[in-house]
Protein backbone atom coordinates (compact mmCIF):
# COMPACT_ATOMS: atom_id res chain seq x y z
CA MET A 1 -17.97 33.65 60.09
CA THR A 2 -18.27 30.98 57.41
CA ARG A 3 -18.84 31.64 53.74
CA GLY A 4 -22.23 29.90 53.92
CA ARG A 5 -23.36 31.92 56.83
CA MET A 6 -22.30 35.23 55.28
CA THR A 7 -24.17 34.30 52.10
CA ARG A 8 -27.35 33.52 54.07
CA ILE A 9 -27.19 36.88 55.84
CA ILE A 10 -26.68 38.76 52.53
CA SER A 11 -29.64 36.79 50.97
CA VAL A 12 -31.90 37.58 53.90
CA LEU A 13 -30.99 41.21 53.70
CA ALA A 14 -31.46 41.34 49.90
CA MET A 15 -34.87 39.57 50.09
CA THR A 16 -35.94 42.03 52.85
CA ALA A 17 -35.06 44.99 50.66
CA LEU A 18 -36.91 43.46 47.69
CA TRP A 19 -39.95 42.88 49.85
CA TYR A 20 -39.85 46.40 51.10
CA LEU A 21 -39.67 47.81 47.57
CA LEU A 22 -42.49 45.61 46.48
CA SER A 23 -44.71 46.56 49.36
CA THR A 24 -44.19 50.37 49.45
CA GLY A 25 -43.75 50.80 45.77
CA ASP A 26 -41.20 53.67 46.36
CA ALA A 27 -38.76 52.26 43.85
CA TYR A 28 -41.32 52.35 41.02
CA ALA A 29 -41.20 56.16 41.12
CA GLN A 30 -37.45 55.83 40.44
CA VAL A 31 -37.97 53.76 37.23
CA PRO A 32 -38.36 56.23 34.37
CA PRO A 33 -41.67 55.67 32.46
CA ILE A 34 -41.73 55.15 28.76
CA PRO A 35 -41.38 58.71 27.54
CA GLY A 36 -44.46 60.48 25.95
CA SER A 37 -47.92 59.14 25.30
CA LEU A 38 -48.35 56.42 22.71
CA LEU A 39 -50.53 58.74 20.48
CA ALA A 40 -47.71 61.36 20.50
CA LEU A 41 -45.16 58.70 19.65
CA ILE A 42 -46.93 57.14 16.70
CA LEU A 43 -47.65 60.62 15.20
CA ALA A 44 -43.89 61.35 15.46
CA PHE A 45 -42.95 58.05 13.98
CA LEU A 46 -45.30 58.18 10.97
CA GLY A 47 -45.89 61.82 10.61
CA GLY A 48 -49.58 61.22 10.94
CA GLY A 49 -52.21 63.55 12.37
CA GLY A 50 -55.29 64.87 10.69
CA GLY A 51 -57.85 62.54 9.25
CA ALA A 52 -60.90 61.74 11.27
CA ALA A 53 -61.20 63.15 14.76
CA CYS A 54 -61.59 60.81 17.80
CA GLY A 55 -65.27 60.50 18.81
CA VAL A 56 -66.48 61.19 15.16
CA GLU A 57 -69.05 58.56 14.18
CA SER A 58 -67.07 57.17 11.11
CA ILE A 59 -64.63 54.42 10.44
CA GLY A 60 -61.70 56.75 10.89
CA GLY A 61 -63.10 57.97 14.17
CA VAL A 62 -63.44 54.32 15.45
CA LEU A 63 -59.83 53.75 14.46
CA CYS A 64 -58.72 56.92 16.16
CA ASN A 65 -60.64 56.02 19.37
CA THR A 66 -58.89 52.58 19.35
CA VAL A 67 -55.43 54.06 19.17
CA ALA A 68 -56.21 56.63 21.90
CA SER A 69 -57.61 53.89 24.19
CA THR A 70 -54.20 52.16 24.16
CA GLU A 71 -52.34 55.19 25.42
CA TYR A 72 -51.56 53.64 28.85
CA VAL A 73 -50.71 50.04 27.61
CA PRO A 74 -47.01 50.88 27.38
CA GLY A 75 -47.07 51.88 31.08
CA LEU A 76 -48.87 48.74 31.93
CA LEU A 77 -46.23 46.74 30.18
CA SER A 78 -43.55 48.71 31.99
CA GLY A 79 -45.13 47.89 35.33
CA PHE A 80 -45.23 44.15 34.35
CA ALA A 81 -41.54 44.35 33.39
CA TYR A 82 -40.88 45.96 36.79
CA LEU A 83 -42.59 43.29 38.83
CA THR A 84 -40.88 40.62 36.69
CA GLY A 85 -37.54 42.25 37.52
CA LEU A 86 -38.27 41.92 41.21
CA ILE A 87 -39.07 38.23 40.78
CA LEU A 88 -35.86 37.68 38.78
CA GLY A 89 -33.88 39.48 41.43
CA ALA A 90 -35.34 37.27 44.11
CA MET A 91 -34.57 34.19 41.98
CA ALA A 92 -31.01 35.37 41.37
CA ILE A 93 -30.37 35.70 45.17
CA ALA A 94 -31.79 32.30 45.73
CA LYS A 95 -29.57 30.77 42.94
CA LEU A 96 -26.52 32.62 44.52
CA TYR A 97 -27.26 30.92 47.78
CA GLU A 98 -27.66 27.53 46.16
CA HIS A 99 -24.35 28.08 44.32
CA VAL A 100 -22.54 28.77 47.54
CA GLN A 101 -24.14 25.66 49.24
CA ASN A 102 -23.49 23.38 46.29
CA PRO A 103 -21.16 24.93 43.71
CA MET A 104 -20.82 21.65 41.78
CA GLN A 105 -24.53 21.42 41.05
CA VAL A 106 -25.45 25.13 40.61
CA SER A 107 -23.36 27.30 38.32
CA ILE A 108 -22.67 30.91 39.34
CA TRP A 109 -24.03 31.95 35.92
CA GLU A 110 -27.54 30.79 36.91
CA SER A 111 -27.55 33.71 39.44
CA ILE A 112 -25.62 36.28 37.23
CA LYS A 113 -28.00 35.94 34.15
CA ARG A 114 -31.02 36.45 36.43
CA PHE A 115 -29.38 39.52 37.87
CA ILE A 116 -28.79 40.85 34.32
CA ALA A 117 -32.22 40.08 33.05
CA GLY A 118 -33.85 41.55 36.14
CA GLY A 119 -31.84 44.75 35.70
CA ALA A 120 -32.84 45.01 32.16
CA MET A 121 -36.45 44.68 33.16
CA PHE A 122 -36.11 47.45 35.63
CA ALA A 123 -34.67 49.66 32.93
CA LEU A 124 -37.10 48.60 30.19
CA PRO A 125 -37.57 52.21 28.79
CA MET A 126 -33.78 52.65 28.51
CA VAL A 127 -33.49 49.22 26.68
CA ILE A 128 -36.21 50.27 24.29
CA GLU A 129 -34.32 53.44 23.52
CA VAL A 130 -31.14 51.53 22.89
CA VAL A 131 -32.90 48.99 20.61
CA TYR A 132 -34.47 51.84 18.71
CA ASN A 133 -31.20 53.84 18.26
CA THR A 134 -29.35 50.65 17.25
CA VAL A 135 -31.65 50.08 14.27
CA ALA A 136 -32.80 53.54 13.24
CA PHE A 137 -30.45 56.12 14.58
CA GLU A 138 -30.58 59.30 12.38
CA ILE A 139 -32.50 57.47 9.59
CA ASP A 140 -34.96 59.82 7.91
CA GLY A 141 -38.41 58.48 7.56
CA ALA A 142 -40.55 58.21 4.42
CA ASP A 143 -42.04 61.53 3.44
CA ASP A 144 -45.57 61.59 2.00
CA SER A 145 -45.90 65.45 2.16
CA SER A 146 -46.77 65.52 -1.68
CA GLY A 147 -50.34 64.66 -0.86
CA PHE A 148 -52.97 63.11 -3.12
CA ASN A 149 -54.58 64.74 -6.11
CA THR A 150 -58.25 64.75 -4.91
CA VAL A 151 -59.27 68.33 -5.94
CA GLY A 152 -61.73 66.82 -8.55
CA ALA A 153 -63.67 64.80 -6.23
CA THR A 154 -66.87 66.78 -6.16
CA GLY A 155 -70.64 65.87 -6.13
CA PHE A 156 -72.08 62.60 -4.90
CA GLY A 157 -70.57 60.13 -7.39
CA LEU A 158 -68.68 56.96 -6.68
CA ASP A 159 -65.29 58.83 -7.02
CA ALA A 160 -66.32 61.23 -4.31
CA MET A 161 -67.34 58.35 -1.99
CA VAL A 162 -63.94 56.59 -2.65
CA VAL A 163 -62.01 59.84 -1.84
CA ALA A 164 -64.25 60.45 1.26
CA LEU A 165 -63.53 56.95 2.54
CA MET A 166 -59.72 57.13 2.12
CA ALA A 167 -59.56 60.62 3.46
CA ASP A 168 -61.40 59.43 6.62
CA VAL A 169 -59.29 56.31 7.28
CA TRP A 170 -55.90 57.28 5.87
CA ASN A 171 -54.15 58.78 8.87
CA PRO A 172 -56.14 56.79 11.55
CA MET A 173 -55.07 53.57 9.83
CA LEU A 174 -51.52 54.53 9.71
CA ASP A 175 -51.72 55.34 13.48
CA VAL A 176 -53.24 51.93 14.15
CA LEU A 177 -50.45 50.16 12.33
CA SER A 178 -47.79 52.25 14.05
CA ALA A 179 -49.42 51.71 17.43
CA PHE A 180 -49.44 47.92 16.73
CA GLY A 181 -45.82 47.99 15.78
CA TYR A 182 -44.87 50.01 18.90
CA LEU A 183 -46.73 47.71 21.33
CA ALA A 184 -45.47 44.61 19.54
CA GLY A 185 -41.90 45.97 19.73
CA ILE A 186 -42.20 46.40 23.55
CA ILE A 187 -43.47 42.88 23.94
CA LEU A 188 -40.60 41.46 21.76
CA VAL A 189 -38.08 43.36 23.91
CA ILE A 190 -39.49 41.87 27.01
CA ILE A 191 -39.39 38.36 25.35
CA GLY A 192 -35.80 38.88 24.30
CA ILE A 193 -34.79 40.01 27.89
CA MET A 194 -36.49 36.96 29.40
CA ARG A 195 -34.54 34.61 27.07
CA MET A 196 -31.37 35.63 28.93
CA VAL A 197 -32.28 33.20 31.77
CA LYS A 198 -32.45 30.29 29.34
CA SER A 199 -29.53 27.99 28.46
CA SER A 200 -27.68 27.46 25.29
CA GLN A 201 -29.38 24.11 24.82
CA ASP A 202 -32.49 26.07 23.60
CA GLY A 203 -30.78 26.74 20.22
CA PRO A 204 -31.91 29.84 18.36
CA ARG A 205 -34.15 30.75 21.31
CA GLY A 206 -31.33 30.64 23.73
CA PRO A 207 -29.51 33.77 25.20
CA GLY A 208 -27.04 34.07 22.32
CA GLY A 209 -29.28 32.41 19.76
CA PHE A 210 -30.04 33.89 16.36
CA GLY A 211 -33.66 33.96 17.21
CA THR A 212 -33.04 36.04 20.21
CA ILE A 213 -30.87 38.47 18.27
CA MET A 214 -33.50 38.85 15.57
CA THR A 215 -36.05 39.46 18.28
CA PHE A 216 -34.35 42.64 19.41
CA VAL A 217 -33.65 43.63 15.70
CA VAL A 218 -37.24 43.09 14.75
CA ALA A 219 -38.35 45.05 17.82
CA GLY A 220 -36.18 48.02 16.75
CA ALA A 221 -37.68 47.93 13.25
CA LEU A 222 -41.21 47.95 14.68
CA PHE A 223 -40.31 50.93 16.84
CA SER A 224 -39.13 52.81 13.79
CA LEU A 225 -41.37 51.66 11.06
CA ASN A 226 -41.31 54.92 9.14
CA SER A 227 -37.42 55.16 9.37
CA MET A 228 -37.19 51.59 8.02
CA MET A 229 -39.57 52.46 5.17
CA GLY A 230 -37.46 55.58 4.46
CA ALA A 231 -34.35 53.37 4.33
CA TRP A 232 -35.92 50.92 1.89
CA GLN A 233 -37.15 53.70 -0.33
CA GLY A 234 -33.77 55.40 -0.43
CA SER A 235 -32.20 52.00 -1.39
CA MET A 236 -34.57 51.57 -4.27
CA PHE A 237 -35.42 55.13 -5.42
CA LEU A 238 -32.53 57.21 -3.95
CA THR A 239 -35.02 59.33 -2.15
CA ASP A 240 -37.30 59.09 0.84
CA GLN A 241 -40.02 61.12 -0.80
CA LEU A 242 -43.09 59.16 -1.74
CA SER A 243 -44.74 59.91 -5.08
CA THR A 244 -48.34 60.24 -4.32
CA PHE A 245 -49.63 63.26 -6.43
CA GLY A 246 -50.86 61.86 -9.83
CA VAL A 247 -51.49 63.88 -12.91
CA LEU A 248 -52.93 62.60 -16.22
CA GLN A 249 -50.55 63.31 -19.04
CA PHE A 250 -52.83 62.66 -21.97
CA THR A 251 -56.19 64.43 -21.61
CA THR A 252 -57.25 65.01 -25.24
CA GLY A 253 -61.11 64.94 -25.53
CA MET A 254 -61.56 65.21 -21.75
CA ASP A 255 -62.95 68.20 -19.92
CA PRO A 256 -61.49 69.41 -16.60
CA ILE A 257 -64.38 67.86 -14.62
CA GLU A 258 -63.74 64.39 -16.10
CA ILE A 259 -60.02 64.75 -15.49
CA GLY A 260 -60.62 65.59 -11.85
CA HIS A 261 -62.89 62.63 -11.40
CA VAL A 262 -60.35 60.15 -12.96
CA GLU A 263 -57.41 61.59 -10.90
CA SER A 264 -59.48 61.40 -7.75
CA VAL A 265 -60.28 57.81 -8.10
CA ILE A 266 -56.67 57.02 -8.95
CA ALA A 267 -55.68 58.77 -5.69
CA GLY A 268 -58.12 56.77 -3.73
CA VAL A 269 -56.88 53.45 -5.12
CA LEU A 270 -53.26 54.57 -4.54
CA ALA A 271 -53.96 55.28 -0.90
CA PHE A 272 -55.68 51.88 -0.44
CA MET A 273 -52.65 50.07 -1.93
CA MET A 274 -50.27 52.09 0.29
CA ILE A 275 -52.15 50.83 3.29
CA LEU A 276 -51.85 47.29 2.07
CA GLY A 277 -48.09 47.93 1.54
CA TRP A 278 -47.65 49.05 5.08
CA ILE A 279 -49.38 45.80 6.35
CA SER A 280 -47.21 43.70 4.17
CA PHE A 281 -44.04 45.45 5.26
CA ILE A 282 -44.88 44.88 8.94
CA ARG A 283 -45.68 41.18 8.13
CA GLY A 284 -42.27 40.79 6.54
CA TRP A 285 -40.41 41.60 9.75
CA PHE A 286 -42.42 39.02 11.72
CA ILE A 287 -41.61 36.38 9.06
CA LEU A 288 -37.90 37.12 9.24
CA ARG A 289 -38.10 36.59 12.93
CA ASP A 290 -39.96 33.38 12.59
CA VAL A 291 -37.15 32.17 10.14
CA ALA A 292 -34.53 32.99 12.73
CA GLU A 293 -36.57 31.14 15.37
CA GLY A 294 -36.39 28.02 13.24
CA ASP A 295 -39.99 27.92 12.33
CA GLN A 296 -40.35 25.43 9.49
CA GLN A 297 -43.48 27.15 8.15
CA ALA A 298 -41.64 30.38 7.54
CA SER A 299 -39.22 31.05 4.68
CA LEU A 300 -36.59 33.71 4.04
CA MET A 301 -38.00 34.29 0.64
CA ALA A 302 -41.48 34.98 1.88
CA GLY A 303 -40.05 37.53 4.45
CA ILE A 304 -38.05 39.30 1.78
CA THR A 305 -40.92 39.32 -0.67
CA HIS A 306 -43.27 40.96 1.96
CA LEU A 307 -40.66 43.58 2.75
CA PHE A 308 -39.92 44.51 -0.87
CA GLY A 309 -43.56 44.19 -1.97
CA GLY A 310 -44.73 46.32 0.87
CA ALA A 311 -42.16 48.99 0.15
CA LEU A 312 -43.07 49.05 -3.50
CA CYS A 313 -46.76 49.28 -2.70
CA VAL A 314 -46.12 52.19 -0.33
CA ASN A 315 -44.33 54.01 -3.18
CA LEU A 316 -46.51 52.63 -5.90
CA GLY A 317 -46.53 56.08 -7.68
CA ALA A 318 -42.81 55.81 -8.22
CA VAL A 319 -43.11 52.30 -9.41
CA ILE A 320 -45.62 53.29 -12.04
CA ASN A 321 -43.40 56.22 -13.11
CA ALA A 322 -40.47 53.73 -13.51
CA VAL A 323 -42.53 51.40 -15.61
CA GLN A 324 -43.91 54.26 -17.88
CA ASN A 325 -40.41 55.60 -18.37
CA THR A 326 -39.09 52.15 -19.25
CA LEU A 327 -41.83 51.65 -21.83
CA GLY A 328 -41.86 55.18 -23.13
CA LEU A 329 -45.36 55.96 -21.97
CA GLN A 330 -44.52 58.96 -19.79
CA ASP A 331 -46.36 61.28 -22.12
CA TYR A 332 -49.55 59.18 -22.24
CA GLY A 333 -50.20 57.76 -18.78
CA ILE A 334 -50.26 59.31 -15.31
CA MET A 335 -47.16 60.62 -13.69
CA PHE A 336 -46.76 60.89 -9.96
CA SER A 337 -44.64 63.48 -8.07
């Protein structure tokens, strides 16, 4: 039996097996789904929970409903990756046949890299776990357990309205940002795998290009947003504890009710700035990836600025403490713990 005839027989058998798997769907049951629901994952990543309940007619309730409605999107992406893996497998077999027929025109690597990419697509949940552990293995997340000083927000004044708004949207907004990061991370992993079938002539977007490497790195960072924030906080403040509970230090001439109102407004403003900080932090990772991709409109300085600025906004209380201690105003301003 000649080499070409043997290759044709193997190709036909492999294509038949792929068609059987695609038509029966039996193999899909063997592909492990992405573990856990999306809602459970984001609560674990960001330590969320609480806030507005899903179904409540409020802004926080709408945000909660939005997150809950995306629970099955990771499974949809996993199914898309599985079907893409089948297509890549078929293409790999075809390339292998072409290589045997005309080895001078078709390299064996055209088949091998499609087999590798197809296998990675079949094992997408495992690849996601590898990417996550590579970036954030055993890194503690930012801890916001100190809470906010809102005990003085009573009545129907503007301060009470500000506190009510932030109490309603605080945890749901964090869940939305974490859900976005998680879904974006899955999509980036799929993009990175698909780039394995490209050639080195694609530059940064080739299989071994810096853009492809940063695609996986940024995906890992998006999977572990809270761990990344904890790492940045530990680098700047030597602790992953966020300083969010503010207390006025100079209260001469103010009664307890007035003090409570002021501290509550400060807490609401602080929570708003922390949400902006999270958005800026996420944006910074995307800018770094654009720089690695060779995007002329993105700059490394902009990406680093977003990361540092976002991390500082998330722990704005610690920044205010540092400024007051530097200027000797710790006995007159507001200190956060």
